[in-house]
């Protein structure tokens, strides 16, 4: 994982919520993503969330996947990092998918 990397959750037409982390380990990262999802869907009433991160950020990819996000694609060589281009992975989660996952984990 890259130190100080920014990953983000995006709610269309609502703005971005950047998640800056020096270290996201195991369940802490997953819990953080789930709390942000709960806020977006339950409090803000959003329909869809989008998460974007560098393809090398395995901690964020794991956290997003555990929280129920689906991989929607790869933006090839779309980010400029440390003097070179890197791939970004895009994830999406719909409110209906979140509601179903929340019921199954209760």
PDB file of N, CA and C in Angstrom:
ATOM      1  N   UNK A   1       0.840  -1.178   0.000  1.00  0.00           N
ATOM      2  CA  UNK A   1       0.000   0.000   0.000  1.00  0.00           C
ATOM      3  C   UNK A   1       0.885   1.242   0.000  1.00  0.00           C
ATOM      4  N   UNK A   2       0.391   2.296  -0.587  1.00  0.00           N
ATOM      5  CA  UNK A   2       1.149   3.531  -0.658  1.00  0.00           C
ATOM      6  C   UNK A   2       0.838   4.409   0.542  1.00  0.00           C
ATOM      7  N   UNK A   3       1.857   4.943   1.197  1.00  0.00           N
ATOM      8  CA  UNK A   3       1.655   5.819   2.361  1.00  0.00           C
ATOM      9  C   UNK A   3       1.086   7.153   1.909  1.00  0.00           C
ATOM     10  N   UNK A   4       0.076   7.642   2.641  1.00  0.00           N
ATOM     11  CA  UNK A   4      -0.475   8.956   2.371  1.00  0.00           C
ATOM     12  C   UNK A   4      -1.316   9.033   1.115  1.00  0.00           C
ATOM     13  N   UNK A   5      -1.663   7.906   0.543  1.00  0.00           N
ATOM     14  CA  UNK A   5      -2.449   7.885  -0.685  1.00  0.00           C
ATOM     15  C   UNK A   5      -3.879   8.336  -0.404  1.00  0.00           C
ATOM     16  N   UNK A   6      -4.454   9.009  -1.364  1.00  0.00           N
ATOM     17  CA  UNK A   6      -5.843   9.439  -1.225  1.00  0.00           C
ATOM     18  C   UNK A   6      -6.723   8.497  -2.019  1.00  0.00           C
ATOM     19  N   UNK A   7      -7.714   7.963  -1.364  1.00  0.00           N
ATOM     20  CA  UNK A   7      -8.757   7.204  -2.042  1.00  0.00           C
ATOM     21  C   UNK A   7     -10.022   7.993  -1.794  1.00  0.00           C
ATOM     22  N   UNK A   8     -11.043   7.775  -2.576  1.00  0.00           N
ATOM     23  CA  UNK A   8     -12.217   8.602  -2.367  1.00  0.00           C
ATOM     24  C   UNK A   8     -13.515   7.882  -2.625  1.00  0.00           C
ATOM     25  N   UNK A   9     -14.542   8.343  -1.946  1.00  0.00           N
ATOM     26  CA  UNK A   9     -15.904   7.913  -2.226  1.00  0.00           C
ATOM     27  C   UNK A   9     -16.589   9.080  -2.904  1.00  0.00           C
ATOM     28  N   UNK A  10     -17.293   8.816  -3.942  1.00  0.00           N
ATOM     29  CA  UNK A  10     -17.961   9.878  -4.688  1.00  0.00           C
ATOM     30  C   UNK A  10     -19.455   9.597  -4.742  1.00  0.00           C
ATOM     31  N   UNK A  11     -20.209  10.617  -4.432  1.00  0.00           N
ATOM     32  CA  UNK A  11     -21.659  10.556  -4.571  1.00  0.00           C
ATOM     33  C   UNK A  11     -22.011  11.501  -5.708  1.00  0.00           C
ATOM     34  N   UNK A  12     -22.531  10.985  -6.765  1.00  0.00           N
ATOM     35  CA  UNK A  12     -22.824  11.807  -7.931  1.00  0.00           C
ATOM     36  C   UNK A  12     -23.699  12.988  -7.561  1.00  0.00           C
ATOM     37  N   UNK A  13     -23.319  14.148  -8.002  1.00  0.00           N
ATOM     38  CA  UNK A  13     -24.035  15.411  -7.791  1.00  0.00           C
ATOM     39  C   UNK A  13     -24.065  15.841  -6.332  1.00  0.00           C
ATOM     40  N   UNK A  14     -23.291  15.188  -5.495  1.00  0.00           N
ATOM     41  CA  UNK A  14     -23.273  15.536  -4.076  1.00  0.00           C
ATOM     42  C   UNK A  14     -21.884  15.922  -3.601  1.00  0.00           C
ATOM     43  N   UNK A  15     -20.884  15.744  -4.421  1.00  0.00           N
ATOM     44  CA  UNK A  15     -19.520  16.053  -4.017  1.00  0.00           C
ATOM     45  C   UNK A  15     -18.752  14.806  -3.626  1.00  0.00           C
ATOM     46  N   UNK A  16     -17.483  14.991  -3.384  1.00  0.00           N
ATOM     47  CA  UNK A  16     -16.603  13.877  -3.042  1.00  0.00           C
ATOM     48  C   UNK A  16     -16.295  13.874  -1.558  1.00  0.00           C
ATOM     49  N   UNK A  17     -16.001  12.695  -1.050  1.00  0.00           N
ATOM     50  CA  UNK A  17     -15.521  12.551   0.312  1.00  0.00           C
ATOM     51  C   UNK A  17     -14.149  11.902   0.210  1.00  0.00           C
ATOM     52  N   UNK A  18     -13.076  12.701   0.213  1.00  0.00           N
ATOM     53  CA  UNK A  18     -11.755  12.081   0.129  1.00  0.00           C
ATOM     54  C   UNK A  18     -11.416  11.366   1.435  1.00  0.00           C
ATOM     55  N   UNK A  19     -10.812  10.221   1.300  1.00  0.00           N
ATOM     56  CA  UNK A  19     -10.403   9.448   2.466  1.00  0.00           C
ATOM     57  C   UNK A  19      -8.882   9.393   2.420  1.00  0.00           C
ATOM     58  N   UNK A  20      -8.234  10.249   3.210  1.00  0.00           N
ATOM     59  CA  UNK A  20      -6.781  10.261   3.250  1.00  0.00           C
ATOM     60  C   UNK A  20      -6.331   9.331   4.361  1.00  0.00           C
ATOM     61  N   UNK A  21      -5.470   8.431   4.027  1.00  0.00           N
ATOM     62  CA  UNK A  21      -5.010   7.489   5.042  1.00  0.00           C
ATOM     63  C   UNK A  21      -3.528   7.237   4.892  1.00  0.00           C
ATOM     64  N   UNK A  22      -2.889   7.256   6.008  1.00  0.00           N
ATOM     65  CA  UNK A  22      -1.495   6.857   6.001  1.00  0.00           C
ATOM     66  C   UNK A  22      -1.431   5.338   6.083  1.00  0.00           C
ATOM     67  N   UNK A  23      -2.295   4.776   6.850  1.00  0.00           N
ATOM     68  CA  UNK A  23      -2.348   3.322   7.002  1.00  0.00           C
ATOM     69  C   UNK A  23      -3.810   2.907   7.207  1.00  0.00           C
ATOM     70  N   UNK A  24      -4.289   2.018   6.369  1.00  0.00           N
ATOM     71  CA  UNK A  24      -5.614   1.420   6.574  1.00  0.00           C
ATOM     72  C   UNK A  24      -5.384  -0.086   6.702  1.00  0.00           C
ATOM     73  N   UNK A  25      -5.660  -0.612   7.841  1.00  0.00           N
ATOM     74  CA  UNK A  25      -5.421  -2.024   8.066  1.00  0.00           C
ATOM     75  C   UNK A  25      -6.728  -2.771   8.246  1.00  0.00           C
ATOM     76  N   UNK A  26      -6.823  -3.884   7.597  1.00  0.00           N
ATOM     77  CA  UNK A  26      -7.885  -4.866   7.765  1.00  0.00           C
ATOM     78  C   UNK A  26      -9.248  -4.270   8.055  1.00  0.00           C
ATOM     79  N   UNK A  27      -9.786  -4.557   9.217  1.00  0.00           N
ATOM     80  CA  UNK A  27     -11.158  -4.186   9.524  1.00  0.00           C
ATOM     81  C   UNK A  27     -11.354  -2.690   9.722  1.00  0.00           C
ATOM     82  N   UNK A  28     -10.325  -1.961  10.102  1.00  0.00           N
ATOM     83  CA  UNK A  28     -10.461  -0.521  10.281  1.00  0.00           C
ATOM     84  C   UNK A  28     -10.837   0.150   8.962  1.00  0.00           C
ATOM     85  N   UNK A  29     -10.174  -0.216   7.883  1.00  0.00           N
ATOM     86  CA  UNK A  29     -10.494   0.345   6.576  1.00  0.00           C
ATOM     87  C   UNK A  29     -11.893  -0.031   6.133  1.00  0.00           C
ATOM     88  N   UNK A  30     -12.267  -1.287   6.325  1.00  0.00           N
ATOM     89  CA  UNK A  30     -13.605  -1.747   5.958  1.00  0.00           C
ATOM     90  C   UNK A  30     -14.658  -1.031   6.783  1.00  0.00           C
ATOM     91  N   UNK A  31     -14.427  -0.903   8.086  1.00  0.00           N
ATOM     92  CA  UNK A  31     -15.390  -0.203   8.945  1.00  0.00           C
ATOM     93  C   UNK A  31     -15.546   1.256   8.528  1.00  0.00           C
ATOM     94  N   UNK A  32     -14.445   1.905   8.159  1.00  0.00           N
ATOM     95  CA  UNK A  32     -14.502   3.299   7.722  1.00  0.00           C
ATOM     96  C   UNK A  32     -15.357   3.431   6.466  1.00  0.00           C
ATOM     97  N   UNK A  33     -15.145   2.560   5.500  1.00  0.00           N
ATOM     98  CA  UNK A  33     -15.926   2.599   4.264  1.00  0.00           C
ATOM     99  C   UNK A  33     -17.396   2.321   4.562  1.00  0.00           C
ATOM    100  N   UNK A  34     -17.681   1.365   5.425  1.00  0.00           N
ATOM    101  CA  UNK A  34     -19.081   1.054   5.767  1.00  0.00           C
ATOM    102  C   UNK A  34     -19.771   2.221   6.464  1.00  0.00           C
ATOM    103  N   UNK A  35     -19.069   2.918   7.348  1.00  0.00           N
ATOM    104  CA  UNK A  35     -19.651   4.086   8.022  1.00  0.00           C
ATOM    105  C   UNK A  35     -19.976   5.172   6.999  1.00  0.00           C
ATOM    106  N   UNK A  36     -19.060   5.406   6.060  1.00  0.00           N
ATOM    107  CA  UNK A  36     -19.324   6.401   5.025  1.00  0.00           C
ATOM    108  C   UNK A  36     -20.501   5.997   4.139  1.00  0.00           C
ATOM    109  N   UNK A  37     -20.630   4.707   3.858  1.00  0.00           N
ATOM    110  CA  UNK A  37     -21.776   4.219   3.080  1.00  0.00           C
ATOM    111  C   UNK A  37     -23.073   4.427   3.849  1.00  0.00           C
ATOM    112  N   UNK A  38     -23.063   4.084   5.118  1.00  0.00           N
ATOM    113  CA  UNK A  38     -24.257   4.274   5.954  1.00  0.00           C
ATOM    114  C   UNK A  38     -24.665   5.748   5.961  1.00  0.00           C
ATOM    115  N   UNK A  39     -23.696   6.626   6.105  1.00  0.00           N
ATOM    116  CA  UNK A  39     -23.972   8.068   6.083  1.00  0.00           C
ATOM    117  C   UNK A  39     -24.574   8.475   4.723  1.00  0.00           C
ATOM    118  N   UNK A  40     -23.960   8.039   3.651  1.00  0.00           N
ATOM    119  CA  UNK A  40     -24.439   8.416   2.317  1.00  0.00           C
ATOM    120  C   UNK A  40     -25.839   7.906   2.019  1.00  0.00           C
ATOM    121  N   UNK A  41     -26.098   6.657   2.350  1.00  0.00           N
ATOM    122  CA  UNK A  41     -27.395   6.067   2.014  1.00  0.00           C
ATOM    123  C   UNK A  41     -28.472   6.368   3.052  1.00  0.00           C
ATOM    124  N   UNK A  42     -28.151   6.221   4.329  1.00  0.00           N
ATOM    125  CA  UNK A  42     -29.170   6.375   5.378  1.00  0.00           C
ATOM    126  C   UNK A  42     -29.424   7.822   5.765  1.00  0.00           C
ATOM    127  N   UNK A  43     -28.370   8.623   5.847  1.00  0.00           N
ATOM    128  CA  UNK A  43     -28.524  10.018   6.286  1.00  0.00           C
ATOM    129  C   UNK A  43     -28.799  10.944   5.104  1.00  0.00           C
ATOM    130  N   UNK A  44     -27.985  10.810   4.059  1.00  0.00           N
ATOM    131  CA  UNK A  44     -28.119  11.714   2.908  1.00  0.00           C
ATOM    132  C   UNK A  44     -29.137  11.242   1.883  1.00  0.00           C
ATOM    133  N   UNK A  45     -29.541   9.978   1.938  1.00  0.00           N
ATOM    134  CA  UNK A  45     -30.525   9.458   0.993  1.00  0.00           C
ATOM    135  C   UNK A  45     -30.019   9.340  -0.440  1.00  0.00           C
ATOM    136  N   UNK A  46     -28.721   9.058  -0.586  1.00  0.00           N
ATOM    137  CA  UNK A  46     -28.136   8.954  -1.922  1.00  0.00           C
ATOM    138  C   UNK A  46     -28.545   7.654  -2.598  1.00  0.00           C
ATOM    139  N   UNK A  47     -28.487   7.665  -3.906  1.00  0.00           N
ATOM    140  CA  UNK A  47     -28.838   6.497  -4.712  1.00  0.00           C
ATOM    141  C   UNK A  47     -27.624   5.636  -5.040  1.00  0.00           C
ATOM    142  N   UNK A  48     -26.463   6.291  -5.194  1.00  0.00           N
ATOM    143  CA  UNK A  48     -25.275   5.589  -5.665  1.00  0.00           C
ATOM    144  C   UNK A  48     -24.023   6.214  -5.073  1.00  0.00           C
ATOM    145  N   UNK A  49     -23.052   5.356  -4.735  1.00  0.00           N
ATOM    146  CA  UNK A  49     -21.728   5.812  -4.313  1.00  0.00           C
ATOM    147  C   UNK A  49     -20.695   5.224  -5.262  1.00  0.00           C
ATOM    148  N   UNK A  50     -19.626   5.965  -5.446  1.00  0.00           N
ATOM    149  CA  UNK A  50     -18.533   5.506  -6.291  1.00  0.00           C
ATOM    150  C   UNK A  50     -17.232   5.660  -5.523  1.00  0.00           C
ATOM    151  N   UNK A  51     -16.404   4.650  -5.565  1.00  0.00           N
ATOM    152  CA  UNK A  51     -15.092   4.699  -4.925  1.00  0.00           C
ATOM    153  C   UNK A  51     -14.033   4.573  -6.007  1.00  0.00           C
ATOM    154  N   UNK A  52     -12.982   5.375  -5.872  1.00  0.00           N
ATOM    155  CA  UNK A  52     -11.871   5.336  -6.817  1.00  0.00           C
ATOM    156  C   UNK A  52     -10.568   5.273  -6.031  1.00  0.00           C
ATOM    157  N   UNK A  53      -9.654   4.444  -6.503  1.00  0.00           N
ATOM    158  CA  UNK A  53      -8.355   4.342  -5.849  1.00  0.00           C
ATOM    159  C   UNK A  53      -7.327   3.848  -6.857  1.00  0.00           C
ATOM    160  N   UNK A  54      -6.067   3.989  -6.513  1.00  0.00           N
ATOM    161  CA  UNK A  54      -5.013   3.449  -7.364  1.00  0.00           C
ATOM    162  C   UNK A  54      -5.078   1.924  -7.346  1.00  0.00           C
ATOM    163  N   UNK A  55      -4.753   1.329  -8.469  1.00  0.00           N
ATOM    164  CA  UNK A  55      -4.798  -0.130  -8.578  1.00  0.00           C
ATOM    165  C   UNK A  55      -3.832  -0.804  -7.608  1.00  0.00           C
ATOM    166  N   UNK A  56      -2.795  -0.102  -7.180  1.00  0.00           N
ATOM    167  CA  UNK A  56      -1.823  -0.666  -6.239  1.00  0.00           C
ATOM    168  C   UNK A  56      -2.289  -0.588  -4.786  1.00  0.00           C
ATOM    169  N   UNK A  57      -3.396   0.087  -4.526  1.00  0.00           N
ATOM    170  CA  UNK A  57      -3.874   0.269  -3.154  1.00  0.00           C
ATOM    171  C   UNK A  57      -4.751  -0.916  -2.738  1.00  0.00           C
ATOM    172  N   UNK A  58      -4.101  -2.012  -2.408  1.00  0.00           N
ATOM    173  CA  UNK A  58      -4.831  -3.236  -2.087  1.00  0.00           C
ATOM    174  C   UNK A  58      -5.691  -3.088  -0.831  1.00  0.00           C
ATOM    175  N   UNK A  59      -5.268  -2.255   0.120  1.00  0.00           N
ATOM    176  CA  UNK A  59      -6.065  -2.069   1.340  1.00  0.00           C
ATOM    177  C   UNK A  59      -7.419  -1.447   1.010  1.00  0.00           C
ATOM    178  N   UNK A  60      -7.441  -0.417   0.170  1.00  0.00           N
ATOM    179  CA  UNK A  60      -8.705   0.222  -0.186  1.00  0.00           C
ATOM    180  C   UNK A  60      -9.552  -0.688  -1.058  1.00  0.00           C
ATOM    181  N   UNK A  61      -8.935  -1.416  -1.955  1.00  0.00           N
ATOM    182  CA  UNK A  61      -9.671  -2.350  -2.812  1.00  0.00           C
ATOM    183  C   UNK A  61     -10.342  -3.415  -1.948  1.00  0.00           C
ATOM    184  N   UNK A  62      -9.621  -3.929  -0.965  1.00  0.00           N
ATOM    185  CA  UNK A  62     -10.190  -4.920  -0.051  1.00  0.00           C
ATOM    186  C   UNK A  62     -11.333  -4.330   0.764  1.00  0.00           C
ATOM    187  N   UNK A  63     -11.135  -3.120   1.293  1.00  0.00           N
ATOM    188  CA  UNK A  63     -12.166  -2.468   2.102  1.00  0.00           C
ATOM    189  C   UNK A  63     -13.422  -2.220   1.279  1.00  0.00           C
ATOM    190  N   UNK A  64     -13.274  -1.726   0.057  1.00  0.00           N
ATOM    191  CA  UNK A  64     -14.433  -1.458  -0.797  1.00  0.00           C
ATOM    192  C   UNK A  64     -15.175  -2.748  -1.134  1.00  0.00           C
ATOM    193  N   UNK A  65     -14.439  -3.790  -1.464  1.00  0.00           N
ATOM    194  CA  UNK A  65     -15.053  -5.072  -1.805  1.00  0.00           C
ATOM    195  C   UNK A  65     -15.795  -5.661  -0.612  1.00  0.00           C
ATOM    196  N   UNK A  66     -15.179  -5.623   0.568  1.00  0.00           N
ATOM    197  CA  UNK A  66     -15.834  -6.140   1.778  1.00  0.00           C
ATOM    198  C   UNK A  66     -17.099  -5.350   2.119  1.00  0.00           C
ATOM    199  N   UNK A  67     -17.096  -4.052   1.780  1.00  0.00           N
ATOM    200  CA  UNK A  67     -18.265  -3.208   2.073  1.00  0.00           C
ATOM    201  C   UNK A  67     -19.369  -3.389   1.039  1.00  0.00           C
ATOM    202  N   UNK A  68     -19.127  -4.172   0.003  1.00  0.00           N
ATOM    203  CA  UNK A  68     -20.170  -4.463  -0.975  1.00  0.00           C
ATOM    204  C   UNK A  68     -20.029  -3.770  -2.316  1.00  0.00           C
ATOM    205  N   UNK A  69     -18.967  -2.972  -2.497  1.00  0.00           N
ATOM    206  CA  UNK A  69     -18.762  -2.298  -3.771  1.00  0.00           C
ATOM    207  C   UNK A  69     -18.437  -3.314  -4.859  1.00  0.00           C
ATOM    208  N   UNK A  70     -18.847  -3.008  -6.075  1.00  0.00           N
ATOM    209  CA  UNK A  70     -18.601  -3.846  -7.241  1.00  0.00           C
ATOM    210  C   UNK A  70     -17.588  -3.131  -8.132  1.00  0.00           C
ATOM    211  N   UNK A  71     -16.610  -3.866  -8.632  1.00  0.00           N
ATOM    212  CA  UNK A  71     -15.646  -3.270  -9.551  1.00  0.00           C
ATOM    213  C   UNK A  71     -16.349  -2.926 -10.853  1.00  0.00           C
ATOM    214  N   UNK A  72     -16.255  -1.662 -11.249  1.00  0.00           N
ATOM    215  CA  UNK A  72     -16.914  -1.221 -12.476  1.00  0.00           C
ATOM    216  C   UNK A  72     -15.935  -0.996 -13.612  1.00  0.00           C
ATOM    217  N   UNK A  73     -14.666  -0.871 -13.289  1.00  0.00           N
ATOM    218  CA  UNK A  73     -13.699  -0.707 -14.364  1.00  0.00           C
ATOM    219  C   UNK A  73     -12.354  -0.202 -13.888  1.00  0.00           C
ATOM    220  N   UNK A  74     -11.440  -0.139 -14.834  1.00  0.00           N
ATOM    221  CA  UNK A  74     -10.102   0.373 -14.586  1.00  0.00           C
ATOM    222  C   UNK A  74      -9.848   1.541 -15.524  1.00  0.00           C
ATOM    223  N   UNK A  75      -9.407   2.638 -14.969  1.00  0.00           N
ATOM    224  CA  UNK A  75      -8.994   3.788 -15.760  1.00  0.00           C
ATOM    225  C   UNK A  75      -7.496   3.638 -15.975  1.00  0.00           C
ATOM    226  N   UNK A  76      -7.130   3.154 -17.128  1.00  0.00           N
ATOM    227  CA  UNK A  76      -5.733   2.821 -17.389  1.00  0.00           C
ATOM    228  C   UNK A  76      -4.872   4.068 -17.490  1.00  0.00           C
ATOM    229  N   UNK A  77      -3.769   4.045 -16.741  1.00  0.00           N
ATOM    230  CA  UNK A  77      -2.759   5.109 -16.745  1.00  0.00           C
ATOM    231  C   UNK A  77      -3.405   6.486 -16.635  1.00  0.00           C
ATOM    232  N   UNK A  78      -4.311   6.641 -15.681  1.00  0.00           N
ATOM    233  CA  UNK A  78      -5.086   7.881 -15.548  1.00  0.00           C
ATOM    234  C   UNK A  78      -4.622   8.781 -14.409  1.00  0.00           C
ATOM    235  N   UNK A  79      -3.736   8.301 -13.562  1.00  0.00           N
ATOM    236  CA  UNK A  79      -3.264   9.094 -12.423  1.00  0.00           C
ATOM    237  C   UNK A  79      -1.746   9.287 -12.531  1.00  0.00           C
ATOM    238  N   UNK A  80      -1.304  10.478 -12.224  1.00  0.00           N
ATOM    239  CA  UNK A  80       0.128  10.777 -12.235  1.00  0.00           C
ATOM    240  C   UNK A  80       0.652  10.619 -10.815  1.00  0.00           C
ATOM    241  N   UNK A  81       1.470   9.613 -10.584  1.00  0.00           N
ATOM    242  CA  UNK A  81       1.955   9.295  -9.247  1.00  0.00           C
ATOM    243  C   UNK A  81       3.465   9.085  -9.295  1.00  0.00           C
ATOM    244  N   UNK A  82       4.176   9.866  -8.498  1.00  0.00           N
ATOM    245  CA  UNK A  82       5.623   9.717  -8.375  1.00  0.00           C
ATOM    246  C   UNK A  82       6.322   9.689  -9.736  1.00  0.00           C
ATOM    247  N   UNK A  83       5.925  10.580 -10.627  1.00  0.00           N
ATOM    248  CA  UNK A  83       6.606  10.717 -11.902  1.00  0.00           C
ATOM    249  C   UNK A  83       6.226   9.735 -12.979  1.00  0.00           C
ATOM    250  N   UNK A  84       5.157   8.980 -12.752  1.00  0.00           N
ATOM    251  CA  UNK A  84       4.712   8.052 -13.788  1.00  0.00           C
ATOM    252  C   UNK A  84       3.203   7.881 -13.719  1.00  0.00           C
ATOM    253  N   UNK A  85       2.634   7.365 -14.789  1.00  0.00           N
ATOM    254  CA  UNK A  85       1.199   7.134 -14.818  1.00  0.00           C
ATOM    255  C   UNK A  85       0.864   5.808 -14.138  1.00  0.00           C
ATOM    256  N   UNK A  86      -0.278   5.795 -13.452  1.00  0.00           N
ATOM    257  CA  UNK A  86      -0.732   4.585 -12.757  1.00  0.00           C
ATOM    258  C   UNK A  86      -2.214   4.367 -13.059  1.00  0.00           C
ATOM    259  N   UNK A  87      -2.641   3.128 -12.970  1.00  0.00           N
ATOM    260  CA  UNK A  87      -4.046   2.784 -13.174  1.00  0.00           C
ATOM    261  C   UNK A  87      -4.866   3.125 -11.934  1.00  0.00           C
ATOM    262  N   UNK A  88      -6.140   3.466 -12.156  1.00  0.00           N
ATOM    263  CA  UNK A  88      -7.095   3.645 -11.070  1.00  0.00           C
ATOM    264  C   UNK A  88      -8.209   2.634 -11.251  1.00  0.00           C
ATOM    265  N   UNK A  89      -8.745   2.136 -10.136  1.00  0.00           N
ATOM    266  CA  UNK A  89      -9.868   1.217 -10.162  1.00  0.00           C
ATOM    267  C   UNK A  89     -11.098   1.975  -9.677  1.00  0.00           C
ATOM    268  N   UNK A  90     -12.229   1.768 -10.362  1.00  0.00           N
ATOM    269  CA  UNK A  90     -13.487   2.432 -10.029  1.00  0.00           C
ATOM    270  C   UNK A  90     -14.461   1.368  -9.530  1.00  0.00           C
ATOM    271  N   UNK A  91     -15.076   1.665  -8.370  1.00  0.00           N
ATOM    272  CA  UNK A  91     -16.070   0.777  -7.768  1.00  0.00           C
ATOM    273  C   UNK A  91     -17.390   1.517  -7.648  1.00  0.00           C
ATOM    274  N   UNK A  92     -18.497   0.794  -7.689  1.00  0.00           N
ATOM    275  CA  UNK A  92     -19.802   1.401  -7.498  1.00  0.00           C
ATOM    276  C   UNK A  92     -20.638   0.590  -6.521  1.00  0.00           C
ATOM    277  N   UNK A  93     -21.543   1.277  -5.829  1.00  0.00           N
ATOM    278  CA  UNK A  93     -22.463   0.626  -4.894  1.00  0.00           C
ATOM    279  C   UNK A  93     -23.788   1.374  -4.945  1.00  0.00           C
ATOM    280  N   UNK A  94     -24.870   0.653  -5.190  1.00  0.00           N
ATOM    281  CA  UNK A  94     -26.204   1.240  -5.230  1.00  0.00           C
ATOM    282  C   UNK A  94     -26.880   1.090  -3.873  1.00  0.00           C
ATOM    283  N   UNK A  95     -27.787   2.000  -3.583  1.00  0.00           N
ATOM    284  CA  UNK A  95     -28.508   1.961  -2.308  1.00  0.00           C
ATOM    285  C   UNK A  95     -29.232   0.624  -2.130  1.00  0.00           C
ATOM    286  N   UNK A  96     -29.803   0.093  -3.197  1.00  0.00           N
ATOM    287  CA  UNK A  96     -30.524  -1.183  -3.098  1.00  0.00           C
ATOM    288  C   UNK A  96     -29.578  -2.328  -2.756  1.00  0.00           C
ATOM    289  N   UNK A  97     -28.361  -2.286  -3.269  1.00  0.00           N
ATOM    290  CA  UNK A  97     -27.367  -3.312  -2.938  1.00  0.00           C
ATOM    291  C   UNK A  97     -26.923  -3.183  -1.487  1.00  0.00           C
ATOM    292  N   UNK A  98     -26.757  -1.944  -1.020  1.00  0.00           N
ATOM    293  CA  UNK A  98     -26.363  -1.682   0.365  1.00  0.00           C
ATOM    294  C   UNK A  98     -27.445  -2.167   1.330  1.00  0.00           C
ATOM    295  N   UNK A  99     -28.702  -1.878   1.013  1.00  0.00           N
ATOM    296  CA  UNK A  99     -29.810  -2.298   1.880  1.00  0.00           C
ATOM    297  C   UNK A  99     -29.856  -3.814   1.989  1.00  0.00           C
ATOM    298  N   UNK A 100     -29.673  -4.504   0.879  1.00  0.00           N
ATOM    299  CA  UNK A 100     -29.673  -5.957   0.904  1.00  0.00           C
ATOM    300  C   UNK A 100     -28.521  -6.526   1.699  1.00  0.00           C
ATOM    301  N   UNK A 101     -27.341  -5.953   1.545  1.00  0.00           N
ATOM    302  CA  UNK A 101     -26.166  -6.405   2.292  1.00  0.00           C
ATOM    303  C   UNK A 101     -26.331  -6.127   3.782  1.00  0.00           C
ATOM    304  N   UNK A 102     -26.907  -4.978   4.127  1.00  0.00           N
ATOM    305  CA  UNK A 102     -27.106  -4.627   5.533  1.00  0.00           C
ATOM    306  C   UNK A 102     -28.075  -5.609   6.211  1.00  0.00           C
ATOM    307  N   UNK A 103     -29.107  -6.026   5.482  1.00  0.00           N
ATOM    308  CA  UNK A 103     -30.057  -6.999   6.052  1.00  0.00           C
ATOM    309  C   UNK A 103     -29.391  -8.352   6.283  1.00  0.00           C
ATOM    310  N   UNK A 104     -28.511  -8.755   5.381  1.00  0.00           N
ATOM    311  CA  UNK A 104     -27.853 -10.065   5.501  1.00  0.00           C
ATOM    312  C   UNK A 104     -26.838 -10.093   6.634  1.00  0.00           C
ATOM    313  N   UNK A 105     -26.282  -8.941   7.026  1.00  0.00           N
ATOM    314  CA  UNK A 105     -25.244  -8.936   8.061  1.00  0.00           C
ATOM    315  C   UNK A 105     -25.808  -8.686   9.446  1.00  0.00           C
ATOM    316  N   UNK A 106     -27.081  -8.485   9.587  1.00  0.00           N
ATOM    317  CA  UNK A 106     -27.675  -8.252  10.916  1.00  0.00           C
ATOM    318  C   UNK A 106     -27.830  -9.526  11.692  1.00  0.00           C
TER     319      UNK A 106
END
